[in-house]
Amino acid sequence: YYNEETIPSLYINQHRPGLELVDVRRALAHAFDYPDITEKAMDGYSSVIEPSLMIFDYEKALIDHSQIRDLQWSYNPEKAIDILEGIGAMPGADGIRVLPDGTRLGPWQVQCPAGWSEWNATIEMAVQNARQVGIELVSSFTEWGVYDNNKSTGNFDIIMDTPAAYSTPGGALKRAYSLMFSENVAPIGEAAYWNYGRFHSDRANDIIKAIGQTSDTT
């Protein structure tokens, strides 16, 4: 039966020139037309994508939404353009933006397995959305074995995957761990089983460990 406790996500390799910049990643987050992707790529089968690791109401009840509202995002291409122009990323002759140091914002491949129709359609729409704000993404659909190896070894620019794909009582914590926990994660070139983009934040690590050790169930 359908279980909605999954968040198919784009892991960004934060060791690629341009993608290491948080403002470039923020611009991408605002560039994607989530309602359109939900309706067309996902055939309306998903709720509208929400920037949160909390999916169910009992999880959302643990959050003070007023404290995170400024950290969330939605489809807003005008804001994406403002962010990029704020870091001096201006359009080149072909419309793709270039940073002041000469780094072009793309082409960056976005990978997922071939034949995964919803994911393939999502990526194709994301490619179009990104281009509208001056970022060049290119879809790359491969056989599963190639995809899985590239994902674990960090051989990608951007790759689609589902963090914490299986339901557990600690779902939200497991999602955070899968996306952000960097302690003991294998370096790029070696197989990792979480945090494929090799995101690093000492603060995120501390919070994730603290949540995992709490006994407070209220």
N, C-alpha and C. Protein backbone atom coordinates (compact mmCIF):
# COMPACT_ATOMS: atom_id res chain seq x y z
N TYR A 1 0.85 -1.18 0.00
CA TYR A 1 0.00 0.00 0.00
C TYR A 1 0.89 1.24 0.00
N TYR A 2 0.30 2.32 -0.37
CA TYR A 2 1.07 3.56 -0.48
C TYR A 2 1.40 4.10 0.90
N ASN A 3 2.67 4.38 1.13
CA ASN A 3 3.13 4.95 2.39
C ASN A 3 3.85 6.24 2.06
N GLU A 4 3.36 7.35 2.57
CA GLU A 4 3.92 8.64 2.16
C GLU A 4 5.11 9.08 3.00
N GLU A 5 5.63 8.22 3.86
CA GLU A 5 6.75 8.63 4.70
C GLU A 5 8.08 8.53 3.93
N THR A 6 8.12 9.16 2.80
CA THR A 6 9.35 9.23 2.03
C THR A 6 9.48 10.62 1.43
N ILE A 7 10.72 11.05 1.25
CA ILE A 7 10.98 12.36 0.66
C ILE A 7 12.02 12.20 -0.44
N PRO A 8 11.63 11.79 -1.64
CA PRO A 8 12.61 11.77 -2.73
C PRO A 8 13.28 13.15 -2.83
N SER A 9 14.59 13.15 -2.80
CA SER A 9 15.34 14.40 -2.65
C SER A 9 16.49 14.48 -3.63
N LEU A 10 16.99 15.67 -3.81
CA LEU A 10 18.19 15.88 -4.61
C LEU A 10 19.38 16.08 -3.67
N TYR A 11 20.32 15.15 -3.72
CA TYR A 11 21.58 15.31 -2.98
C TYR A 11 22.52 16.12 -3.87
N ILE A 12 23.11 17.17 -3.31
CA ILE A 12 24.03 18.02 -4.05
C ILE A 12 25.44 17.75 -3.57
N ASN A 13 26.33 17.48 -4.51
CA ASN A 13 27.74 17.25 -4.18
C ASN A 13 28.38 18.59 -3.86
N GLN A 14 28.66 18.80 -2.61
CA GLN A 14 29.14 20.10 -2.17
C GLN A 14 30.65 20.27 -2.33
N HIS A 15 31.23 19.39 -3.13
CA HIS A 15 32.66 19.52 -3.43
C HIS A 15 32.88 19.85 -4.91
N ARG A 16 31.81 20.22 -5.60
CA ARG A 16 31.92 20.64 -7.00
C ARG A 16 31.93 22.16 -7.07
N PRO A 17 32.80 22.73 -7.92
CA PRO A 17 32.89 24.19 -8.02
C PRO A 17 31.53 24.81 -8.33
N GLY A 18 31.15 25.79 -7.55
CA GLY A 18 29.87 26.45 -7.69
C GLY A 18 28.83 25.87 -6.75
N LEU A 19 28.75 24.56 -6.68
CA LEU A 19 27.76 23.92 -5.81
C LEU A 19 28.17 23.96 -4.34
N GLU A 20 29.42 24.32 -4.06
CA GLU A 20 29.83 24.43 -2.66
C GLU A 20 29.28 25.71 -2.02
N LEU A 21 28.75 26.61 -2.85
CA LEU A 21 28.24 27.88 -2.34
C LEU A 21 26.79 27.73 -1.89
N VAL A 22 26.54 28.07 -0.64
CA VAL A 22 25.20 27.90 -0.10
C VAL A 22 24.18 28.73 -0.86
N ASP A 23 24.57 29.91 -1.36
CA ASP A 23 23.61 30.74 -2.07
C ASP A 23 23.23 30.16 -3.43
N VAL A 24 24.12 29.43 -4.05
CA VAL A 24 23.77 28.73 -5.29
C VAL A 24 22.75 27.63 -4.99
N ARG A 25 22.97 26.90 -3.91
CA ARG A 25 22.03 25.86 -3.53
C ARG A 25 20.69 26.45 -3.12
N ARG A 26 20.71 27.59 -2.42
CA ARG A 26 19.47 28.27 -2.05
C ARG A 26 18.71 28.71 -3.30
N ALA A 27 19.42 29.23 -4.27
CA ALA A 27 18.77 29.66 -5.50
C ALA A 27 18.11 28.48 -6.20
N LEU A 28 18.79 27.34 -6.25
CA LEU A 28 18.19 26.15 -6.84
C LEU A 28 16.91 25.76 -6.10
N ALA A 29 16.94 25.85 -4.78
CA ALA A 29 15.77 25.47 -3.99
C ALA A 29 14.56 26.32 -4.35
N HIS A 30 14.79 27.60 -4.62
CA HIS A 30 13.69 28.49 -4.99
C HIS A 30 13.31 28.36 -6.47
N ALA A 31 14.17 27.77 -7.28
CA ALA A 31 13.93 27.72 -8.72
C ALA A 31 12.94 26.65 -9.12
N PHE A 32 12.79 25.59 -8.32
CA PHE A 32 11.98 24.45 -8.72
C PHE A 32 10.49 24.71 -8.46
N ASP A 33 9.68 24.41 -9.46
CA ASP A 33 8.23 24.64 -9.38
C ASP A 33 7.59 23.41 -8.73
N TYR A 34 7.58 23.39 -7.41
CA TYR A 34 7.11 22.22 -6.67
C TYR A 34 5.65 21.87 -6.95
N PRO A 35 4.72 22.83 -6.97
CA PRO A 35 3.33 22.46 -7.29
C PRO A 35 3.20 21.83 -8.67
N ASP A 36 3.92 22.36 -9.67
CA ASP A 36 3.85 21.82 -11.02
C ASP A 36 4.45 20.42 -11.08
N ILE A 37 5.58 20.22 -10.38
CA ILE A 37 6.20 18.89 -10.33
C ILE A 37 5.26 17.90 -9.66
N THR A 38 4.63 18.32 -8.57
CA THR A 38 3.69 17.44 -7.87
C THR A 38 2.55 17.01 -8.78
N GLU A 39 2.01 17.97 -9.51
CA GLU A 39 0.84 17.68 -10.35
C GLU A 39 1.19 16.87 -11.59
N LYS A 40 2.31 17.20 -12.23
CA LYS A 40 2.63 16.57 -13.52
C LYS A 40 3.56 15.37 -13.38
N ALA A 41 4.70 15.55 -12.75
CA ALA A 41 5.65 14.43 -12.64
C ALA A 41 5.14 13.34 -11.71
N MET A 42 4.48 13.76 -10.61
CA MET A 42 3.98 12.80 -9.63
C MET A 42 2.49 12.49 -9.82
N ASP A 43 1.91 12.98 -10.94
CA ASP A 43 0.51 12.71 -11.26
C ASP A 43 -0.45 13.09 -10.13
N GLY A 44 -0.07 14.12 -9.36
CA GLY A 44 -0.93 14.55 -8.27
C GLY A 44 -1.00 13.57 -7.12
N TYR A 45 -0.11 12.58 -7.11
CA TYR A 45 -0.17 11.50 -6.12
C TYR A 45 0.50 11.89 -4.81
N SER A 46 1.26 12.97 -4.83
CA SER A 46 1.97 13.42 -3.63
C SER A 46 1.32 14.70 -3.13
N SER A 47 1.45 14.93 -1.83
CA SER A 47 1.10 16.25 -1.32
C SER A 47 2.14 17.23 -1.84
N VAL A 48 1.81 18.53 -1.83
CA VAL A 48 2.74 19.52 -2.33
C VAL A 48 4.00 19.48 -1.49
N ILE A 49 5.12 19.46 -2.16
CA ILE A 49 6.41 19.30 -1.50
C ILE A 49 6.64 20.43 -0.51
N GLU A 50 7.02 20.06 0.71
CA GLU A 50 7.24 21.02 1.78
C GLU A 50 8.66 20.88 2.29
N PRO A 51 9.39 22.00 2.45
CA PRO A 51 10.78 21.92 2.91
C PRO A 51 10.86 21.61 4.40
N SER A 52 10.80 20.35 4.72
CA SER A 52 10.85 19.92 6.12
C SER A 52 11.19 18.45 6.17
N LEU A 53 11.82 18.03 7.25
CA LEU A 53 12.06 16.60 7.46
C LEU A 53 10.90 15.96 8.23
N MET A 54 9.94 16.77 8.63
CA MET A 54 8.79 16.28 9.36
C MET A 54 7.62 16.12 8.39
N ILE A 55 7.06 14.92 8.30
CA ILE A 55 6.01 14.63 7.33
C ILE A 55 4.66 14.49 8.01
N PHE A 56 4.60 13.69 9.06
CA PHE A 56 3.31 13.42 9.69
C PHE A 56 2.96 14.49 10.72
N ASP A 57 1.68 14.59 11.03
CA ASP A 57 1.22 15.62 11.97
C ASP A 57 1.88 15.46 13.33
N TYR A 58 2.07 14.22 13.79
CA TYR A 58 2.67 14.02 15.11
C TYR A 58 4.14 14.46 15.13
N GLU A 59 4.77 14.48 13.96
CA GLU A 59 6.13 15.00 13.88
C GLU A 59 6.12 16.53 13.82
N LYS A 60 5.21 17.06 13.01
CA LYS A 60 5.13 18.52 12.86
C LYS A 60 4.78 19.20 14.19
N ALA A 61 4.07 18.47 15.06
CA ALA A 61 3.68 19.04 16.35
C ALA A 61 4.90 19.32 17.23
N LEU A 62 6.03 18.73 16.91
CA LEU A 62 7.25 18.94 17.69
C LEU A 62 7.99 20.20 17.30
N ILE A 63 7.55 20.87 16.25
CA ILE A 63 8.28 22.01 15.69
C ILE A 63 7.57 23.32 16.02
N ASP A 64 8.36 24.32 16.39
CA ASP A 64 7.86 25.68 16.46
C ASP A 64 8.08 26.30 15.09
N HIS A 65 7.04 26.28 14.26
CA HIS A 65 7.19 26.69 12.87
C HIS A 65 7.61 28.14 12.73
N SER A 66 7.28 28.96 13.71
CA SER A 66 7.67 30.37 13.63
C SER A 66 9.19 30.53 13.67
N GLN A 67 9.88 29.53 14.24
CA GLN A 67 11.34 29.62 14.38
C GLN A 67 12.07 29.20 13.10
N ILE A 68 11.39 28.50 12.21
CA ILE A 68 12.08 28.00 11.01
C ILE A 68 11.53 28.58 9.71
N ARG A 69 10.48 29.43 9.84
CA ARG A 69 9.84 29.92 8.62
C ARG A 69 10.82 30.63 7.69
N ASP A 70 11.73 31.42 8.26
CA ASP A 70 12.68 32.17 7.44
C ASP A 70 13.74 31.26 6.80
N LEU A 71 13.82 30.02 7.27
CA LEU A 71 14.81 29.08 6.74
C LEU A 71 14.21 28.18 5.66
N GLN A 72 12.90 28.23 5.51
CA GLN A 72 12.25 27.38 4.52
C GLN A 72 12.21 28.09 3.17
N TRP A 73 11.74 27.38 2.17
CA TRP A 73 11.70 27.94 0.83
C TRP A 73 10.48 27.42 0.09
N SER A 74 10.21 28.05 -1.03
CA SER A 74 9.13 27.63 -1.91
C SER A 74 9.50 28.07 -3.32
N TYR A 75 8.67 27.70 -4.29
CA TYR A 75 8.94 28.10 -5.67
C TYR A 75 8.85 29.61 -5.79
N ASN A 76 9.95 30.24 -6.11
CA ASN A 76 10.02 31.68 -6.20
C ASN A 76 11.20 32.05 -7.09
N PRO A 77 11.03 31.96 -8.42
CA PRO A 77 12.16 32.21 -9.32
C PRO A 77 12.72 33.62 -9.20
N GLU A 78 11.86 34.58 -8.87
CA GLU A 78 12.36 35.95 -8.69
C GLU A 78 13.35 36.01 -7.53
N LYS A 79 13.04 35.31 -6.45
CA LYS A 79 13.97 35.29 -5.32
C LYS A 79 15.25 34.57 -5.69
N ALA A 80 15.14 33.49 -6.47
CA ALA A 80 16.34 32.77 -6.92
C ALA A 80 17.26 33.70 -7.69
N ILE A 81 16.68 34.50 -8.58
CA ILE A 81 17.47 35.45 -9.36
C ILE A 81 18.11 36.50 -8.46
N ASP A 82 17.34 37.00 -7.47
CA ASP A 82 17.89 37.98 -6.54
C ASP A 82 19.08 37.41 -5.77
N ILE A 83 18.97 36.16 -5.34
CA ILE A 83 20.06 35.52 -4.60
C ILE A 83 21.31 35.42 -5.48
N LEU A 84 21.12 35.00 -6.73
CA LEU A 84 22.27 34.84 -7.63
C LEU A 84 22.90 36.18 -7.96
N GLU A 85 22.09 37.17 -8.20
CA GLU A 85 22.65 38.49 -8.49
C GLU A 85 23.34 39.08 -7.26
N GLY A 86 22.87 38.69 -6.07
CA GLY A 86 23.49 39.15 -4.85
C GLY A 86 24.90 38.64 -4.64
N ILE A 87 25.23 37.52 -5.29
CA ILE A 87 26.61 36.99 -5.20
C ILE A 87 27.37 37.27 -6.49
N GLY A 88 26.80 38.13 -7.32
CA GLY A 88 27.50 38.55 -8.54
C GLY A 88 27.45 37.57 -9.67
N ALA A 89 26.52 36.61 -9.64
CA ALA A 89 26.38 35.64 -10.72
C ALA A 89 25.51 36.26 -11.82
N MET A 90 26.15 36.71 -12.89
CA MET A 90 25.44 37.41 -13.95
C MET A 90 25.35 36.55 -15.20
N PRO A 91 24.30 36.74 -16.01
CA PRO A 91 24.11 35.90 -17.20
C PRO A 91 25.22 36.10 -18.23
N GLY A 92 25.69 34.98 -18.79
CA GLY A 92 26.61 35.03 -19.91
C GLY A 92 25.85 35.16 -21.21
N ALA A 93 26.55 35.06 -22.31
CA ALA A 93 25.93 35.23 -23.62
C ALA A 93 24.84 34.20 -23.88
N ASP A 94 24.98 33.02 -23.29
CA ASP A 94 23.99 31.96 -23.49
C ASP A 94 22.91 31.95 -22.42
N GLY A 95 22.93 32.94 -21.53
CA GLY A 95 21.92 33.03 -20.48
C GLY A 95 22.28 32.33 -19.20
N ILE A 96 23.35 31.53 -19.20
CA ILE A 96 23.78 30.83 -17.99
C ILE A 96 24.67 31.76 -17.18
N ARG A 97 24.44 31.82 -15.90
CA ARG A 97 25.13 32.77 -15.04
C ARG A 97 26.57 32.32 -14.73
N VAL A 98 27.40 33.31 -14.52
CA VAL A 98 28.81 33.09 -14.23
C VAL A 98 29.17 33.88 -12.99
N LEU A 99 29.87 33.24 -12.06
CA LEU A 99 30.31 33.91 -10.83
C LEU A 99 31.45 34.87 -11.13
N PRO A 100 31.71 35.82 -10.24
CA PRO A 100 32.80 36.78 -10.47
C PRO A 100 34.16 36.12 -10.69
N ASP A 101 34.37 34.92 -10.12
CA ASP A 101 35.67 34.25 -10.33
C ASP A 101 35.72 33.45 -11.62
N GLY A 102 34.66 33.54 -12.44
CA GLY A 102 34.63 32.85 -13.72
C GLY A 102 33.94 31.50 -13.70
N THR A 103 33.51 31.04 -12.52
CA THR A 103 32.82 29.75 -12.42
C THR A 103 31.43 29.84 -13.04
N ARG A 104 31.19 28.99 -14.04
CA ARG A 104 29.89 28.96 -14.71
C ARG A 104 28.94 28.07 -13.91
N LEU A 105 27.70 28.47 -13.78
CA LEU A 105 26.73 27.70 -13.01
C LEU A 105 26.14 26.58 -13.86
N GLY A 106 26.98 25.60 -14.10
CA GLY A 106 26.64 24.44 -14.90
C GLY A 106 27.59 24.29 -16.07
N PRO A 107 27.45 23.22 -16.85
CA PRO A 107 26.39 22.21 -16.71
C PRO A 107 26.67 21.25 -15.56
N TRP A 108 25.66 20.98 -14.78
CA TRP A 108 25.72 19.99 -13.71
C TRP A 108 24.73 18.88 -14.02
N GLN A 109 25.20 17.64 -14.01
CA GLN A 109 24.33 16.51 -14.28
C GLN A 109 23.47 16.19 -13.07
N VAL A 110 22.23 15.81 -13.34
CA VAL A 110 21.31 15.35 -12.30
C VAL A 110 20.98 13.90 -12.62
N GLN A 111 21.40 12.99 -11.75
CA GLN A 111 21.31 11.56 -12.05
C GLN A 111 20.16 10.88 -11.32
N CYS A 112 19.60 9.86 -11.98
CA CYS A 112 18.71 8.89 -11.34
C CYS A 112 18.59 7.70 -12.29
N PRO A 113 18.04 6.59 -11.85
CA PRO A 113 17.94 5.43 -12.73
C PRO A 113 17.02 5.68 -13.92
N ALA A 114 17.39 5.15 -15.06
CA ALA A 114 16.53 5.21 -16.24
C ALA A 114 15.28 4.38 -16.01
N GLY A 115 14.14 4.85 -16.52
CA GLY A 115 12.90 4.11 -16.41
C GLY A 115 12.11 4.39 -15.15
N TRP A 116 12.68 5.15 -14.23
CA TRP A 116 11.93 5.55 -13.04
C TRP A 116 11.13 6.78 -13.44
N SER A 117 9.97 6.55 -14.00
CA SER A 117 9.27 7.58 -14.77
C SER A 117 8.99 8.85 -13.98
N GLU A 118 8.53 8.72 -12.73
CA GLU A 118 8.23 9.92 -11.95
C GLU A 118 9.50 10.72 -11.67
N TRP A 119 10.57 10.02 -11.32
CA TRP A 119 11.84 10.69 -11.05
C TRP A 119 12.42 11.30 -12.33
N ASN A 120 12.33 10.56 -13.43
CA ASN A 120 12.82 11.09 -14.70
C ASN A 120 12.08 12.37 -15.06
N ALA A 121 10.76 12.35 -14.91
CA ALA A 121 9.96 13.54 -15.24
C ALA A 121 10.28 14.69 -14.29
N THR A 122 10.46 14.38 -13.01
CA THR A 122 10.81 15.41 -12.03
C THR A 122 12.10 16.11 -12.42
N ILE A 123 13.10 15.32 -12.79
CA ILE A 123 14.40 15.90 -13.14
C ILE A 123 14.31 16.73 -14.42
N GLU A 124 13.56 16.25 -15.40
CA GLU A 124 13.42 17.02 -16.63
C GLU A 124 12.75 18.37 -16.36
N MET A 125 11.77 18.38 -15.47
CA MET A 125 11.13 19.64 -15.13
C MET A 125 12.08 20.54 -14.33
N ALA A 126 12.86 19.94 -13.44
CA ALA A 126 13.84 20.72 -12.67
C ALA A 126 14.88 21.35 -13.59
N VAL A 127 15.28 20.62 -14.62
CA VAL A 127 16.24 21.16 -15.60
C VAL A 127 15.67 22.42 -16.24
N GLN A 128 14.41 22.36 -16.65
CA GLN A 128 13.77 23.52 -17.28
C GLN A 128 13.65 24.69 -16.30
N ASN A 129 13.26 24.39 -15.06
CA ASN A 129 13.10 25.43 -14.06
C ASN A 129 14.43 26.13 -13.78
N ALA A 130 15.49 25.36 -13.65
CA ALA A 130 16.80 25.93 -13.33
C ALA A 130 17.29 26.84 -14.45
N ARG A 131 17.03 26.43 -15.67
CA ARG A 131 17.48 27.23 -16.81
C ARG A 131 16.83 28.62 -16.79
N GLN A 132 15.61 28.68 -16.32
CA GLN A 132 14.90 29.96 -16.31
C GLN A 132 15.53 30.98 -15.36
N VAL A 133 16.33 30.51 -14.40
CA VAL A 133 17.01 31.46 -13.50
C VAL A 133 18.50 31.55 -13.81
N GLY A 134 18.94 30.85 -14.87
CA GLY A 134 20.32 30.97 -15.31
C GLY A 134 21.26 29.91 -14.80
N ILE A 135 20.73 28.74 -14.42
CA ILE A 135 21.55 27.62 -13.97
C ILE A 135 21.35 26.47 -14.95
N GLU A 136 22.44 25.88 -15.41
CA GLU A 136 22.34 24.80 -16.40
C GLU A 136 22.45 23.43 -15.72
N LEU A 137 21.34 22.71 -15.71
CA LEU A 137 21.31 21.33 -15.28
C LEU A 137 21.09 20.44 -16.50
N VAL A 138 21.61 19.22 -16.43
CA VAL A 138 21.48 18.26 -17.52
C VAL A 138 21.02 16.93 -16.92
N SER A 139 19.94 16.35 -17.43
CA SER A 139 19.47 15.07 -16.92
C SER A 139 20.40 13.95 -17.35
N SER A 140 20.57 12.97 -16.46
CA SER A 140 21.42 11.81 -16.74
C SER A 140 20.75 10.58 -16.14
N PHE A 141 20.18 9.73 -17.01
CA PHE A 141 19.47 8.54 -16.57
C PHE A 141 20.28 7.31 -16.95
N THR A 142 20.68 6.54 -15.94
CA THR A 142 21.57 5.40 -16.15
C THR A 142 20.93 4.12 -15.62
N GLU A 143 21.59 2.99 -15.88
CA GLU A 143 21.14 1.73 -15.28
C GLU A 143 21.42 1.79 -13.78
N TRP A 144 20.71 0.94 -13.04
CA TRP A 144 20.75 1.00 -11.58
C TRP A 144 22.16 0.86 -11.03
N GLY A 145 22.94 -0.11 -11.53
CA GLY A 145 24.26 -0.35 -10.97
C GLY A 145 25.17 0.86 -11.07
N VAL A 146 25.13 1.53 -12.22
CA VAL A 146 25.94 2.74 -12.41
C VAL A 146 25.48 3.83 -11.45
N TYR A 147 24.18 4.02 -11.40
CA TYR A 147 23.60 5.03 -10.50
C TYR A 147 24.00 4.77 -9.05
N ASP A 148 23.83 3.54 -8.59
CA ASP A 148 24.07 3.22 -7.19
C ASP A 148 25.54 3.40 -6.83
N ASN A 149 26.44 3.02 -7.72
CA ASN A 149 27.86 3.20 -7.46
C ASN A 149 28.23 4.68 -7.43
N ASN A 150 27.70 5.44 -8.40
CA ASN A 150 27.98 6.87 -8.42
C ASN A 150 27.47 7.56 -7.16
N LYS A 151 26.30 7.14 -6.72
CA LYS A 151 25.70 7.74 -5.52
C LYS A 151 26.59 7.51 -4.30
N SER A 152 27.00 6.28 -4.07
CA SER A 152 27.74 5.98 -2.85
C SER A 152 29.15 6.54 -2.86
N THR A 153 29.77 6.61 -4.04
CA THR A 153 31.15 7.09 -4.10
C THR A 153 31.25 8.60 -4.29
N GLY A 154 30.12 9.28 -4.45
CA GLY A 154 30.15 10.72 -4.64
C GLY A 154 30.51 11.14 -6.04
N ASN A 155 30.33 10.24 -7.01
CA ASN A 155 30.65 10.55 -8.41
C ASN A 155 29.42 11.16 -9.08
N PHE A 156 29.06 12.34 -8.64
CA PHE A 156 27.89 13.02 -9.20
C PHE A 156 27.97 14.50 -8.87
N ASP A 157 27.22 15.29 -9.64
CA ASP A 157 27.00 16.69 -9.30
C ASP A 157 25.77 16.79 -8.39
N ILE A 158 24.66 16.26 -8.91
CA ILE A 158 23.40 16.21 -8.17
C ILE A 158 22.79 14.84 -8.45
N ILE A 159 22.23 14.21 -7.44
CA ILE A 159 21.66 12.89 -7.64
C ILE A 159 20.38 12.76 -6.83
N MET A 160 19.40 12.05 -7.38
CA MET A 160 18.11 11.89 -6.71
C MET A 160 18.10 10.59 -5.93
N ASP A 161 17.61 10.66 -4.70
CA ASP A 161 17.52 9.47 -3.86
C ASP A 161 16.51 9.75 -2.76
N THR A 162 16.09 8.70 -2.08
CA THR A 162 15.14 8.85 -0.99
C THR A 162 15.83 8.57 0.33
N PRO A 163 16.09 9.61 1.14
CA PRO A 163 16.70 9.36 2.45
C PRO A 163 15.73 8.64 3.37
N ALA A 164 16.25 7.67 4.12
CA ALA A 164 15.42 6.92 5.07
C ALA A 164 14.18 6.40 4.37
N ALA A 165 14.40 5.58 3.35
CA ALA A 165 13.31 5.17 2.47
C ALA A 165 12.30 4.24 3.13
N TYR A 166 12.67 3.65 4.27
CA TYR A 166 11.77 2.70 4.91
C TYR A 166 11.25 3.29 6.22
N SER A 167 9.98 3.08 6.49
CA SER A 167 9.33 3.65 7.66
C SER A 167 9.88 3.03 8.94
N THR A 168 10.21 3.88 9.91
CA THR A 168 10.63 3.44 11.23
C THR A 168 10.04 4.41 12.25
N PRO A 169 9.98 4.03 13.53
CA PRO A 169 9.48 4.97 14.54
C PRO A 169 10.31 6.24 14.63
N GLY A 170 11.59 6.16 14.28
CA GLY A 170 12.47 7.32 14.31
C GLY A 170 12.65 7.95 12.96
N GLY A 171 11.58 8.03 12.18
CA GLY A 171 11.68 8.45 10.79
C GLY A 171 12.34 9.80 10.59
N ALA A 172 11.89 10.82 11.33
CA ALA A 172 12.44 12.17 11.14
C ALA A 172 13.92 12.22 11.48
N LEU A 173 14.31 11.54 12.57
CA LEU A 173 15.72 11.51 12.95
C LEU A 173 16.54 10.77 11.89
N LYS A 174 15.99 9.69 11.38
CA LYS A 174 16.71 8.92 10.37
C LYS A 174 16.88 9.72 9.09
N ARG A 175 15.87 10.53 8.73
CA ARG A 175 16.00 11.38 7.55
C ARG A 175 17.11 12.40 7.75
N ALA A 176 17.14 13.04 8.92
CA ALA A 176 18.17 14.03 9.21
C ALA A 176 19.55 13.38 9.17
N TYR A 177 19.66 12.20 9.74
CA TYR A 177 20.94 11.47 9.74
C TYR A 177 21.37 11.17 8.30
N SER A 178 20.45 10.68 7.50
CA SER A 178 20.78 10.30 6.13
C SER A 178 21.21 11.48 5.29
N LEU A 179 20.61 12.64 5.54
CA LEU A 179 20.90 13.81 4.73
C LEU A 179 22.11 14.60 5.23
N MET A 180 22.33 14.66 6.55
CA MET A 180 23.25 15.66 7.07
C MET A 180 24.35 15.15 7.99
N PHE A 181 24.23 13.97 8.56
CA PHE A 181 25.22 13.54 9.55
C PHE A 181 26.53 13.19 8.85
N SER A 182 27.61 13.81 9.28
CA SER A 182 28.88 13.64 8.55
C SER A 182 29.96 12.91 9.32
N GLU A 183 29.73 12.60 10.60
CA GLU A 183 30.76 11.89 11.34
C GLU A 183 30.94 10.49 10.77
N ASN A 184 32.18 10.16 10.47
CA ASN A 184 32.57 8.83 9.96
C ASN A 184 32.03 8.50 8.57
N VAL A 185 31.48 9.49 7.87
CA VAL A 185 31.04 9.21 6.50
C VAL A 185 32.28 9.05 5.63
N ALA A 186 32.24 8.11 4.71
CA ALA A 186 33.40 7.84 3.86
C ALA A 186 33.68 9.04 2.95
N PRO A 187 34.95 9.31 2.66
CA PRO A 187 35.27 10.42 1.75
C PRO A 187 34.84 10.10 0.33
N ILE A 188 34.76 11.13 -0.49
CA ILE A 188 34.43 10.94 -1.90
C ILE A 188 35.45 10.00 -2.53
N GLY A 189 34.94 9.05 -3.31
CA GLY A 189 35.78 8.02 -3.91
C GLY A 189 35.63 6.68 -3.22
N GLU A 190 35.16 6.70 -1.96
CA GLU A 190 34.87 5.48 -1.23
C GLU A 190 33.37 5.39 -1.01
N ALA A 191 32.88 4.18 -0.76
CA ALA A 191 31.44 3.97 -0.63
C ALA A 191 30.90 4.51 0.68
N ALA A 192 29.93 5.38 0.59
CA ALA A 192 29.21 5.90 1.76
C ALA A 192 27.78 5.38 1.71
N TYR A 193 27.15 5.30 2.86
CA TYR A 193 25.79 4.76 2.93
C TYR A 193 24.81 5.78 3.49
N TRP A 194 25.26 6.99 3.67
CA TRP A 194 24.40 8.11 4.04
C TRP A 194 25.16 9.38 3.66
N ASN A 195 24.46 10.51 3.67
CA ASN A 195 25.08 11.81 3.38
C ASN A 195 25.92 11.74 2.10
N TYR A 196 25.29 11.36 1.01
CA TYR A 196 26.02 11.13 -0.24
C TYR A 196 26.67 12.41 -0.77
N GLY A 197 26.09 13.57 -0.46
CA GLY A 197 26.68 14.83 -0.91
C GLY A 197 27.82 15.32 -0.05
N ARG A 198 28.09 14.57 1.05
CA ARG A 198 29.17 14.90 1.99
C ARG A 198 29.00 16.30 2.58
N PHE A 199 27.76 16.62 2.93
CA PHE A 199 27.48 17.86 3.66
C PHE A 199 28.15 17.78 5.01
N HIS A 200 28.69 18.92 5.49
CA HIS A 200 29.32 18.92 6.81
C HIS A 200 28.90 20.13 7.61
N SER A 201 28.43 19.90 8.82
CA SER A 201 28.11 20.95 9.77
C SER A 201 28.27 20.37 11.17
N ASP A 202 29.20 20.90 11.95
CA ASP A 202 29.37 20.42 13.32
C ASP A 202 28.09 20.61 14.12
N ARG A 203 27.41 21.72 13.87
CA ARG A 203 26.16 22.00 14.59
C ARG A 203 25.10 20.95 14.27
N ALA A 204 24.97 20.60 12.99
CA ALA A 204 24.00 19.56 12.61
C ALA A 204 24.36 18.24 13.27
N ASN A 205 25.63 17.89 13.28
CA ASN A 205 26.05 16.65 13.93
C ASN A 205 25.66 16.64 15.41
N ASP A 206 25.91 17.75 16.10
CA ASP A 206 25.60 17.83 17.53
C ASP A 206 24.10 17.68 17.78
N ILE A 207 23.30 18.34 16.96
CA ILE A 207 21.85 18.27 17.14
C ILE A 207 21.34 16.86 16.89
N ILE A 208 21.81 16.24 15.82
CA ILE A 208 21.35 14.88 15.49
C ILE A 208 21.73 13.90 16.59
N LYS A 209 22.93 14.02 17.13
CA LYS A 209 23.34 13.13 18.23
C LYS A 209 22.50 13.39 19.48
N ALA A 210 22.21 14.66 19.76
CA ALA A 210 21.42 14.99 20.94
C ALA A 210 20.00 14.43 20.82
N ILE A 211 19.41 14.55 19.63
CA ILE A 211 18.06 14.01 19.43
C ILE A 211 18.06 12.50 19.63
N GLY A 212 19.08 11.84 19.11
CA GLY A 212 19.16 10.39 19.22
C GLY A 212 19.34 9.89 20.63
N GLN A 213 19.79 10.76 21.53
CA GLN A 213 20.06 10.34 22.91
C GLN A 213 18.97 10.75 23.89
N THR A 214 17.99 11.54 23.41
CA THR A 214 16.96 12.02 24.32
C THR A 214 15.98 10.92 24.69
N SER A 215 15.45 11.03 25.89
CA SER A 215 14.40 10.08 26.32
C SER A 215 13.06 10.79 26.49
N ASP A 216 13.00 12.04 26.08
CA ASP A 216 11.78 12.84 26.21
C ASP A 216 10.81 12.45 25.09
N THR A 217 9.66 11.95 25.45
CA THR A 217 8.67 11.52 24.44
C THR A 217 7.48 12.45 24.39
N THR A 218 7.51 13.58 25.10
CA THR A 218 6.37 14.48 25.10
C THR A 218 6.37 15.35 23.87
